[in-house]
């Protein structure tokens, strides 16, 4: 269970560090999903998850650069125990034989979770600069949702079958 984040005491440096950790967690989870999909011979899903991992990595690098510009090598005061699945897709969502539509729905769910994290934190953040960063990140999540929804619109509907019929869940290798 994540440690509680006291958003009222959050400073800009801490906000950057949390945002970077969120991106790292999502990047790692998408990589894990890509490897699982490759193991289950679902190459299109694996490819999409690799692309998503790349997006998360890129955003993490951008945030790290901004943090370094403002705070140099100042030590990080937050850690991964303060978050869990903020933007990372939930482990139980990946399935063998997953459809392209379901892959996009997983990504959309992750973007919605990230948006909600920042939106729910905003009223509690007192530091103006940290609040501004969280608002920027919240709006980016809205853009990400819009992009994923556009891709979803291009997908044909899935068959009516129950996705749990293929219960061979991917697992860590």
N, C-alpha and C. Protein backbone atom coordinates (compact mmCIF):
# COMPACT_ATOMS: atom_id res chain seq x y z
N UNK A 1 0.85 -1.19 0.00
CA UNK A 1 0.00 0.00 0.00
C UNK A 1 0.89 1.24 0.00
N UNK A 2 0.59 2.20 -0.86
CA UNK A 2 1.43 3.40 -0.93
C UNK A 2 1.35 4.22 0.36
N UNK A 3 2.48 4.86 0.66
CA UNK A 3 2.48 5.83 1.77
C UNK A 3 1.64 7.02 1.34
N UNK A 4 1.03 7.64 2.28
CA UNK A 4 0.19 8.81 2.01
C UNK A 4 1.06 9.99 1.57
N UNK A 5 0.63 10.68 0.55
CA UNK A 5 1.32 11.89 0.08
C UNK A 5 0.61 13.08 0.71
N UNK A 6 1.38 13.93 1.38
CA UNK A 6 0.81 15.15 1.95
C UNK A 6 0.95 16.25 0.89
N UNK A 7 -0.07 16.38 0.06
CA UNK A 7 -0.02 17.33 -1.05
C UNK A 7 0.10 18.77 -0.57
N UNK A 8 -0.37 19.08 0.62
CA UNK A 8 -0.28 20.44 1.15
C UNK A 8 1.18 20.84 1.38
N UNK A 9 2.05 19.87 1.65
CA UNK A 9 3.46 20.16 1.90
C UNK A 9 4.33 19.97 0.67
N UNK A 10 3.74 19.56 -0.43
CA UNK A 10 4.47 19.26 -1.65
C UNK A 10 5.06 20.53 -2.26
N UNK A 11 6.35 20.50 -2.52
CA UNK A 11 7.04 21.61 -3.19
C UNK A 11 7.28 21.21 -4.65
N UNK A 12 7.70 22.17 -5.46
CA UNK A 12 7.88 21.91 -6.88
C UNK A 12 8.85 20.76 -7.13
N UNK A 13 9.96 20.72 -6.41
CA UNK A 13 10.92 19.63 -6.60
C UNK A 13 10.26 18.29 -6.34
N UNK A 14 9.48 18.20 -5.27
CA UNK A 14 8.78 16.96 -4.94
C UNK A 14 7.76 16.60 -6.03
N UNK A 15 7.09 17.61 -6.55
CA UNK A 15 6.10 17.38 -7.61
C UNK A 15 6.78 16.81 -8.84
N UNK A 16 7.94 17.36 -9.21
CA UNK A 16 8.70 16.80 -10.32
C UNK A 16 9.08 15.35 -10.03
N UNK A 17 9.58 15.11 -8.83
CA UNK A 17 10.03 13.76 -8.49
C UNK A 17 8.88 12.75 -8.53
N UNK A 18 7.73 13.14 -8.03
CA UNK A 18 6.56 12.25 -8.12
C UNK A 18 6.17 11.99 -9.57
N UNK A 19 6.14 13.05 -10.36
CA UNK A 19 5.76 12.91 -11.77
C UNK A 19 6.74 11.99 -12.51
N UNK A 20 8.02 12.12 -12.20
CA UNK A 20 9.03 11.26 -12.83
C UNK A 20 8.81 9.81 -12.42
N UNK A 21 8.54 9.58 -11.14
CA UNK A 21 8.28 8.22 -10.67
C UNK A 21 7.04 7.62 -11.34
N UNK A 22 6.03 8.44 -11.54
CA UNK A 22 4.80 7.98 -12.20
C UNK A 22 5.12 7.54 -13.63
N UNK A 23 5.92 8.34 -14.33
CA UNK A 23 6.30 8.00 -15.71
C UNK A 23 7.14 6.73 -15.73
N UNK A 24 8.07 6.59 -14.79
CA UNK A 24 8.92 5.39 -14.73
C UNK A 24 8.08 4.14 -14.49
N UNK A 25 7.13 4.24 -13.56
CA UNK A 25 6.28 3.10 -13.26
C UNK A 25 5.49 2.68 -14.50
N UNK A 26 4.91 3.65 -15.19
CA UNK A 26 4.12 3.35 -16.40
C UNK A 26 5.02 2.77 -17.49
N UNK A 27 6.20 3.35 -17.67
CA UNK A 27 7.14 2.83 -18.68
C UNK A 27 7.47 1.37 -18.40
N UNK A 28 7.79 1.07 -17.16
CA UNK A 28 8.14 -0.30 -16.79
C UNK A 28 6.98 -1.27 -17.00
N UNK A 29 5.77 -0.85 -16.64
CA UNK A 29 4.60 -1.73 -16.78
C UNK A 29 4.32 -2.00 -18.26
N UNK A 30 4.41 -0.96 -19.10
CA UNK A 30 4.19 -1.19 -20.53
C UNK A 30 5.25 -2.12 -21.11
N UNK A 31 6.48 -2.01 -20.64
CA UNK A 31 7.53 -2.93 -21.10
C UNK A 31 7.18 -4.36 -20.69
N UNK A 32 6.74 -4.54 -19.44
CA UNK A 32 6.35 -5.87 -18.98
C UNK A 32 5.22 -6.42 -19.84
N UNK A 33 4.22 -5.59 -20.13
CA UNK A 33 3.11 -6.03 -20.96
C UNK A 33 3.60 -6.42 -22.36
N UNK A 34 4.51 -5.63 -22.91
CA UNK A 34 5.05 -5.94 -24.25
C UNK A 34 5.72 -7.32 -24.24
N UNK A 35 6.53 -7.57 -23.21
CA UNK A 35 7.20 -8.87 -23.11
C UNK A 35 6.19 -10.00 -22.95
N UNK A 36 5.14 -9.78 -22.17
CA UNK A 36 4.12 -10.80 -21.99
C UNK A 36 3.39 -11.07 -23.30
N UNK A 37 3.08 -10.03 -24.03
CA UNK A 37 2.36 -10.21 -25.30
C UNK A 37 3.24 -10.94 -26.32
N UNK A 38 4.54 -10.66 -26.30
CA UNK A 38 5.45 -11.40 -27.19
C UNK A 38 5.48 -12.87 -26.81
N UNK A 39 5.48 -13.15 -25.52
CA UNK A 39 5.49 -14.54 -25.05
C UNK A 39 4.22 -15.27 -25.46
N UNK A 40 3.12 -14.55 -25.61
CA UNK A 40 1.84 -15.14 -25.99
C UNK A 40 1.52 -14.92 -27.47
N UNK A 41 2.56 -14.58 -28.25
CA UNK A 41 2.43 -14.46 -29.69
C UNK A 41 1.32 -13.48 -30.10
N UNK A 42 1.33 -12.34 -29.45
CA UNK A 42 0.38 -11.27 -29.77
C UNK A 42 1.22 -10.04 -30.15
N UNK A 43 1.82 -10.07 -31.36
CA UNK A 43 2.81 -9.05 -31.72
C UNK A 43 2.26 -7.63 -31.84
N UNK A 44 1.03 -7.48 -32.32
CA UNK A 44 0.49 -6.12 -32.45
C UNK A 44 0.29 -5.46 -31.09
N UNK A 45 -0.19 -6.24 -30.14
CA UNK A 45 -0.35 -5.72 -28.77
C UNK A 45 1.03 -5.39 -28.19
N UNK A 46 1.99 -6.26 -28.41
CA UNK A 46 3.35 -6.03 -27.90
C UNK A 46 3.92 -4.74 -28.50
N UNK A 47 3.71 -4.56 -29.79
CA UNK A 47 4.22 -3.36 -30.46
C UNK A 47 3.58 -2.10 -29.86
N UNK A 48 2.28 -2.12 -29.65
CA UNK A 48 1.60 -0.96 -29.08
C UNK A 48 2.12 -0.67 -27.67
N UNK A 49 2.27 -1.71 -26.85
CA UNK A 49 2.77 -1.50 -25.49
C UNK A 49 4.20 -0.96 -25.51
N UNK A 50 5.02 -1.37 -26.48
CA UNK A 50 6.38 -0.81 -26.60
C UNK A 50 6.31 0.67 -26.97
N UNK A 51 5.40 1.03 -27.85
CA UNK A 51 5.24 2.44 -28.21
C UNK A 51 4.83 3.25 -26.99
N UNK A 52 3.88 2.73 -26.22
CA UNK A 52 3.43 3.43 -25.01
C UNK A 52 4.58 3.56 -24.01
N UNK A 53 5.39 2.52 -23.88
CA UNK A 53 6.55 2.57 -22.99
C UNK A 53 7.50 3.68 -23.44
N UNK A 54 7.68 3.79 -24.74
CA UNK A 54 8.54 4.85 -25.28
C UNK A 54 8.01 6.24 -24.98
N UNK A 55 6.70 6.42 -25.09
CA UNK A 55 6.10 7.72 -24.75
C UNK A 55 6.34 8.07 -23.29
N UNK A 56 6.14 7.08 -22.42
CA UNK A 56 6.34 7.32 -20.99
C UNK A 56 7.80 7.65 -20.70
N UNK A 57 8.71 6.93 -21.35
CA UNK A 57 10.14 7.20 -21.16
C UNK A 57 10.50 8.61 -21.62
N UNK A 58 9.98 9.00 -22.77
CA UNK A 58 10.26 10.34 -23.30
C UNK A 58 9.75 11.42 -22.34
N UNK A 59 8.55 11.24 -21.85
CA UNK A 59 7.99 12.23 -20.93
C UNK A 59 8.81 12.26 -19.63
N UNK A 60 9.24 11.11 -19.16
CA UNK A 60 10.09 11.06 -17.96
C UNK A 60 11.40 11.79 -18.17
N UNK A 61 12.02 11.61 -19.34
CA UNK A 61 13.28 12.31 -19.64
C UNK A 61 13.06 13.83 -19.67
N UNK A 62 11.96 14.25 -20.26
CA UNK A 62 11.66 15.69 -20.31
C UNK A 62 11.48 16.26 -18.90
N UNK A 63 10.77 15.54 -18.05
CA UNK A 63 10.57 16.00 -16.67
C UNK A 63 11.90 16.03 -15.91
N UNK A 64 12.75 15.00 -16.11
CA UNK A 64 14.05 14.97 -15.44
C UNK A 64 14.90 16.18 -15.86
N UNK A 65 14.87 16.50 -17.14
CA UNK A 65 15.65 17.64 -17.63
C UNK A 65 15.16 18.94 -17.01
N UNK A 66 13.86 19.11 -16.94
CA UNK A 66 13.30 20.31 -16.32
C UNK A 66 13.66 20.38 -14.84
N UNK A 67 13.58 19.26 -14.15
CA UNK A 67 13.94 19.22 -12.73
C UNK A 67 15.40 19.60 -12.54
N UNK A 68 16.27 19.01 -13.38
CA UNK A 68 17.70 19.27 -13.26
C UNK A 68 18.01 20.74 -13.51
N UNK A 69 17.34 21.35 -14.47
CA UNK A 69 17.54 22.77 -14.75
C UNK A 69 17.21 23.61 -13.53
N UNK A 70 16.17 23.26 -12.84
CA UNK A 70 15.72 24.06 -11.71
C UNK A 70 16.37 23.68 -10.38
N UNK A 71 16.72 22.41 -10.21
CA UNK A 71 17.18 21.95 -8.90
C UNK A 71 18.53 21.24 -8.92
N UNK A 72 19.16 21.18 -10.08
CA UNK A 72 20.46 20.54 -10.17
C UNK A 72 20.40 19.10 -9.70
N UNK A 73 21.35 18.72 -8.87
CA UNK A 73 21.44 17.35 -8.36
C UNK A 73 20.86 17.22 -6.96
N UNK A 74 19.93 18.09 -6.60
CA UNK A 74 19.31 18.03 -5.27
C UNK A 74 18.75 16.63 -5.04
N UNK A 75 18.92 16.09 -3.83
CA UNK A 75 18.44 14.72 -3.57
C UNK A 75 16.93 14.61 -3.67
N UNK A 76 16.49 13.45 -4.10
CA UNK A 76 15.07 13.14 -4.21
C UNK A 76 14.54 12.81 -2.82
N UNK A 77 13.40 13.38 -2.47
CA UNK A 77 12.84 13.16 -1.14
C UNK A 77 11.55 12.33 -1.16
N UNK A 78 11.13 11.90 -2.35
CA UNK A 78 9.96 11.04 -2.48
C UNK A 78 10.42 9.71 -3.09
N UNK A 79 9.62 8.67 -2.93
CA UNK A 79 10.01 7.38 -3.50
C UNK A 79 8.77 6.61 -3.97
N UNK A 80 9.03 5.47 -4.59
CA UNK A 80 7.96 4.68 -5.20
C UNK A 80 6.95 4.17 -4.19
N UNK A 81 7.31 4.14 -2.91
CA UNK A 81 6.33 3.67 -1.93
C UNK A 81 5.19 4.67 -1.77
N UNK A 82 5.31 5.83 -2.39
CA UNK A 82 4.28 6.87 -2.27
C UNK A 82 3.24 6.75 -3.39
N UNK A 83 3.42 5.81 -4.29
CA UNK A 83 2.45 5.66 -5.38
C UNK A 83 2.37 4.22 -5.82
N UNK A 84 1.27 3.91 -6.43
CA UNK A 84 1.08 2.58 -7.02
C UNK A 84 0.03 2.71 -8.11
N UNK A 85 0.39 2.30 -9.30
CA UNK A 85 -0.54 2.29 -10.43
C UNK A 85 -1.20 3.64 -10.70
N UNK A 86 -0.45 4.72 -10.55
CA UNK A 86 -1.02 6.03 -10.85
C UNK A 86 -1.34 6.11 -12.33
N UNK A 87 -0.36 5.81 -13.17
CA UNK A 87 -0.60 5.82 -14.61
C UNK A 87 -0.35 4.44 -15.21
N UNK A 88 0.33 3.60 -14.51
CA UNK A 88 0.62 2.27 -15.03
C UNK A 88 -0.67 1.47 -15.18
N UNK A 89 -0.82 0.79 -16.30
CA UNK A 89 -2.00 -0.04 -16.44
C UNK A 89 -2.00 -1.16 -15.41
N UNK A 90 -3.16 -1.54 -14.97
CA UNK A 90 -3.29 -2.58 -13.94
C UNK A 90 -2.84 -3.92 -14.50
N UNK A 91 -2.12 -4.68 -13.67
CA UNK A 91 -1.60 -5.98 -14.10
C UNK A 91 -2.69 -6.90 -14.62
N UNK A 92 -3.83 -6.91 -13.98
CA UNK A 92 -4.87 -7.87 -14.36
C UNK A 92 -5.52 -7.57 -15.70
N UNK A 93 -5.18 -6.44 -16.32
CA UNK A 93 -5.81 -6.07 -17.59
C UNK A 93 -5.24 -6.83 -18.79
N UNK A 94 -3.99 -7.22 -18.73
CA UNK A 94 -3.37 -7.90 -19.88
C UNK A 94 -3.82 -9.35 -19.94
N UNK A 95 -4.16 -9.79 -21.13
CA UNK A 95 -4.62 -11.16 -21.36
C UNK A 95 -3.96 -11.70 -22.63
N UNK A 96 -3.81 -12.98 -22.68
CA UNK A 96 -3.36 -13.61 -23.91
C UNK A 96 -4.45 -13.40 -24.96
N UNK A 97 -4.05 -13.30 -26.20
CA UNK A 97 -4.99 -13.16 -27.32
C UNK A 97 -5.81 -11.87 -27.23
N UNK A 98 -5.22 -10.82 -26.72
CA UNK A 98 -5.91 -9.55 -26.53
C UNK A 98 -6.16 -8.88 -27.88
N UNK A 99 -7.28 -8.19 -27.99
CA UNK A 99 -7.62 -7.50 -29.24
C UNK A 99 -7.02 -6.10 -29.25
N UNK A 100 -6.84 -5.53 -30.43
CA UNK A 100 -6.35 -4.15 -30.52
C UNK A 100 -7.25 -3.17 -29.76
N UNK A 101 -8.55 -3.37 -29.85
CA UNK A 101 -9.48 -2.48 -29.13
C UNK A 101 -9.23 -2.56 -27.62
N UNK A 102 -9.05 -3.75 -27.11
CA UNK A 102 -8.84 -3.92 -25.66
C UNK A 102 -7.51 -3.32 -25.23
N UNK A 103 -6.49 -3.42 -26.07
CA UNK A 103 -5.19 -2.80 -25.77
C UNK A 103 -5.36 -1.29 -25.63
N UNK A 104 -6.10 -0.69 -26.55
CA UNK A 104 -6.34 0.75 -26.49
C UNK A 104 -7.18 1.12 -25.26
N UNK A 105 -8.12 0.29 -24.91
CA UNK A 105 -8.93 0.55 -23.71
C UNK A 105 -8.07 0.51 -22.45
N UNK A 106 -7.09 -0.37 -22.42
CA UNK A 106 -6.17 -0.44 -21.28
C UNK A 106 -5.37 0.87 -21.19
N UNK A 107 -4.88 1.32 -22.33
CA UNK A 107 -4.12 2.58 -22.36
C UNK A 107 -5.01 3.75 -21.94
N UNK A 108 -6.25 3.77 -22.41
CA UNK A 108 -7.17 4.85 -22.04
C UNK A 108 -7.43 4.84 -20.54
N UNK A 109 -7.65 3.67 -19.97
CA UNK A 109 -7.86 3.56 -18.51
C UNK A 109 -6.66 4.13 -17.76
N UNK A 110 -5.45 3.85 -18.23
CA UNK A 110 -4.24 4.34 -17.57
C UNK A 110 -4.17 5.86 -17.64
N UNK A 111 -4.52 6.43 -18.79
CA UNK A 111 -4.49 7.88 -18.93
C UNK A 111 -5.55 8.54 -18.05
N UNK A 112 -6.69 7.91 -17.92
CA UNK A 112 -7.75 8.44 -17.06
C UNK A 112 -7.30 8.39 -15.59
N UNK A 113 -6.66 7.28 -15.19
CA UNK A 113 -6.16 7.18 -13.81
C UNK A 113 -5.16 8.29 -13.52
N UNK A 114 -4.25 8.56 -14.46
CA UNK A 114 -3.25 9.60 -14.25
C UNK A 114 -3.92 10.97 -14.14
N UNK A 115 -4.88 11.22 -15.02
CA UNK A 115 -5.61 12.49 -14.95
C UNK A 115 -6.27 12.66 -13.59
N UNK A 116 -6.94 11.61 -13.15
CA UNK A 116 -7.66 11.68 -11.87
C UNK A 116 -6.70 11.90 -10.69
N UNK A 117 -5.52 11.29 -10.76
CA UNK A 117 -4.53 11.50 -9.71
C UNK A 117 -4.20 12.99 -9.58
N UNK A 118 -3.86 13.62 -10.71
CA UNK A 118 -3.49 15.03 -10.68
C UNK A 118 -4.69 15.92 -10.34
N UNK A 119 -5.84 15.60 -10.90
CA UNK A 119 -7.05 16.40 -10.62
C UNK A 119 -7.42 16.33 -9.14
N UNK A 120 -7.34 15.15 -8.55
CA UNK A 120 -7.69 14.99 -7.14
C UNK A 120 -6.65 15.62 -6.22
N UNK A 121 -5.41 15.67 -6.66
CA UNK A 121 -4.35 16.28 -5.84
C UNK A 121 -4.42 17.80 -5.86
N UNK A 122 -4.80 18.37 -6.98
CA UNK A 122 -4.74 19.83 -7.17
C UNK A 122 -5.37 20.65 -6.04
N UNK A 123 -6.55 20.34 -5.56
CA UNK A 123 -7.14 21.17 -4.51
C UNK A 123 -6.33 21.19 -3.21
N UNK A 124 -5.46 20.21 -3.03
CA UNK A 124 -4.69 20.08 -1.79
C UNK A 124 -3.29 20.67 -1.89
N UNK A 125 -2.81 20.91 -3.12
CA UNK A 125 -1.47 21.43 -3.32
C UNK A 125 -1.47 22.93 -3.01
N UNK A 126 -0.58 23.34 -2.10
CA UNK A 126 -0.52 24.74 -1.69
C UNK A 126 0.55 25.51 -2.44
N UNK A 127 1.67 24.87 -2.75
CA UNK A 127 2.77 25.52 -3.46
C UNK A 127 2.32 25.87 -4.88
N UNK A 128 2.39 27.15 -5.22
CA UNK A 128 1.87 27.61 -6.52
C UNK A 128 2.59 26.96 -7.70
N UNK A 129 3.90 26.81 -7.62
CA UNK A 129 4.66 26.21 -8.72
C UNK A 129 4.33 24.72 -8.87
N UNK A 130 4.19 24.03 -7.74
CA UNK A 130 3.83 22.61 -7.80
C UNK A 130 2.42 22.46 -8.36
N UNK A 131 1.54 23.35 -7.95
CA UNK A 131 0.16 23.32 -8.44
C UNK A 131 0.14 23.54 -9.96
N UNK A 132 0.95 24.48 -10.43
CA UNK A 132 1.04 24.76 -11.87
C UNK A 132 1.53 23.53 -12.64
N UNK A 133 2.54 22.85 -12.10
CA UNK A 133 3.05 21.63 -12.75
C UNK A 133 1.98 20.56 -12.78
N UNK A 134 1.29 20.34 -11.68
CA UNK A 134 0.24 19.32 -11.65
C UNK A 134 -0.89 19.65 -12.61
N UNK A 135 -1.23 20.91 -12.75
CA UNK A 135 -2.26 21.31 -13.71
C UNK A 135 -1.79 21.03 -15.14
N UNK A 136 -0.54 21.34 -15.42
CA UNK A 136 0.04 21.05 -16.74
C UNK A 136 -0.03 19.54 -17.03
N UNK A 137 0.33 18.74 -16.05
CA UNK A 137 0.31 17.29 -16.22
C UNK A 137 -1.12 16.77 -16.37
N UNK A 138 -2.05 17.36 -15.64
CA UNK A 138 -3.46 16.96 -15.76
C UNK A 138 -3.95 17.22 -17.19
N UNK A 139 -3.61 18.39 -17.72
CA UNK A 139 -4.04 18.73 -19.09
C UNK A 139 -3.37 17.83 -20.13
N UNK A 140 -2.13 17.44 -19.89
CA UNK A 140 -1.47 16.50 -20.81
C UNK A 140 -2.21 15.18 -20.84
N UNK A 141 -2.70 14.75 -19.69
CA UNK A 141 -3.45 13.50 -19.65
C UNK A 141 -4.75 13.61 -20.44
N UNK A 142 -5.36 14.77 -20.44
CA UNK A 142 -6.55 14.99 -21.26
C UNK A 142 -6.19 14.83 -22.74
N UNK A 143 -5.06 15.41 -23.15
CA UNK A 143 -4.60 15.26 -24.54
C UNK A 143 -4.33 13.79 -24.87
N UNK A 144 -3.68 13.08 -23.95
CA UNK A 144 -3.39 11.67 -24.19
C UNK A 144 -4.68 10.86 -24.33
N UNK A 145 -5.67 11.16 -23.51
CA UNK A 145 -6.96 10.48 -23.62
C UNK A 145 -7.58 10.74 -25.00
N UNK A 146 -7.50 11.97 -25.44
CA UNK A 146 -8.06 12.33 -26.74
C UNK A 146 -7.38 11.53 -27.86
N UNK A 147 -6.07 11.41 -27.79
CA UNK A 147 -5.34 10.66 -28.83
C UNK A 147 -5.73 9.19 -28.83
N UNK A 148 -5.83 8.60 -27.65
CA UNK A 148 -6.20 7.17 -27.56
C UNK A 148 -7.63 6.98 -28.04
N UNK A 149 -8.53 7.89 -27.67
CA UNK A 149 -9.92 7.77 -28.12
C UNK A 149 -10.04 7.84 -29.64
N UNK A 150 -9.22 8.68 -30.28
CA UNK A 150 -9.22 8.75 -31.75
C UNK A 150 -8.83 7.40 -32.34
N UNK A 151 -7.83 6.76 -31.74
CA UNK A 151 -7.41 5.44 -32.22
C UNK A 151 -8.50 4.40 -31.97
N UNK A 152 -9.18 4.51 -30.85
CA UNK A 152 -10.28 3.58 -30.54
C UNK A 152 -11.40 3.69 -31.58
N UNK A 153 -11.69 4.91 -32.02
CA UNK A 153 -12.75 5.12 -33.01
C UNK A 153 -12.44 4.41 -34.32
N UNK A 154 -11.16 4.18 -34.60
CA UNK A 154 -10.76 3.53 -35.85
C UNK A 154 -10.84 2.01 -35.78
N UNK A 155 -11.03 1.48 -34.57
CA UNK A 155 -11.04 0.03 -34.38
C UNK A 155 -12.44 -0.54 -34.58
N UNK A 156 -12.50 -1.71 -35.21
CA UNK A 156 -13.81 -2.37 -35.29
C UNK A 156 -14.21 -2.87 -33.92
N UNK A 157 -15.50 -3.06 -33.70
CA UNK A 157 -15.93 -3.60 -32.40
C UNK A 157 -15.38 -5.01 -32.20
N UNK A 158 -15.15 -5.37 -30.95
CA UNK A 158 -14.72 -6.73 -30.63
C UNK A 158 -15.89 -7.68 -30.77
N UNK A 159 -15.57 -8.95 -30.93
CA UNK A 159 -16.61 -9.98 -30.90
C UNK A 159 -17.29 -9.93 -29.55
N UNK A 160 -18.46 -10.48 -29.48
CA UNK A 160 -19.24 -10.46 -28.24
C UNK A 160 -18.72 -11.44 -27.20
N UNK A 161 -17.70 -12.23 -27.53
CA UNK A 161 -17.19 -13.22 -26.58
C UNK A 161 -16.66 -12.59 -25.30
N UNK A 162 -16.66 -13.35 -24.26
CA UNK A 162 -16.17 -12.91 -22.96
C UNK A 162 -14.64 -12.95 -22.97
N UNK A 163 -13.96 -11.81 -22.68
CA UNK A 163 -12.49 -11.82 -22.69
C UNK A 163 -11.90 -12.79 -21.67
N UNK A 164 -12.66 -13.18 -20.66
CA UNK A 164 -12.16 -14.13 -19.68
C UNK A 164 -12.20 -15.57 -20.19
N UNK A 165 -12.77 -15.77 -21.39
CA UNK A 165 -12.75 -17.09 -21.97
C UNK A 165 -11.32 -17.55 -22.25
N UNK A 166 -10.45 -16.59 -22.56
CA UNK A 166 -9.04 -16.87 -22.79
C UNK A 166 -8.29 -16.52 -21.50
N UNK A 167 -8.47 -17.33 -20.52
CA UNK A 167 -7.99 -17.00 -19.17
C UNK A 167 -6.49 -17.23 -19.00
N UNK A 168 -5.80 -17.66 -20.05
CA UNK A 168 -4.34 -17.81 -19.95
C UNK A 168 -3.72 -16.45 -19.75
N UNK A 169 -3.71 -16.02 -18.50
CA UNK A 169 -3.19 -14.70 -18.20
C UNK A 169 -1.69 -14.68 -18.39
N UNK A 170 -1.18 -13.60 -18.99
CA UNK A 170 0.29 -13.45 -19.05
C UNK A 170 0.85 -13.43 -17.64
N UNK A 171 2.04 -13.87 -17.51
CA UNK A 171 2.68 -13.91 -16.21
C UNK A 171 4.12 -13.48 -16.34
N UNK A 172 4.70 -13.11 -15.22
CA UNK A 172 6.09 -12.70 -15.22
C UNK A 172 6.96 -13.89 -15.58
N UNK A 173 7.94 -13.63 -16.40
CA UNK A 173 8.80 -14.70 -16.89
C UNK A 173 10.06 -14.77 -16.09
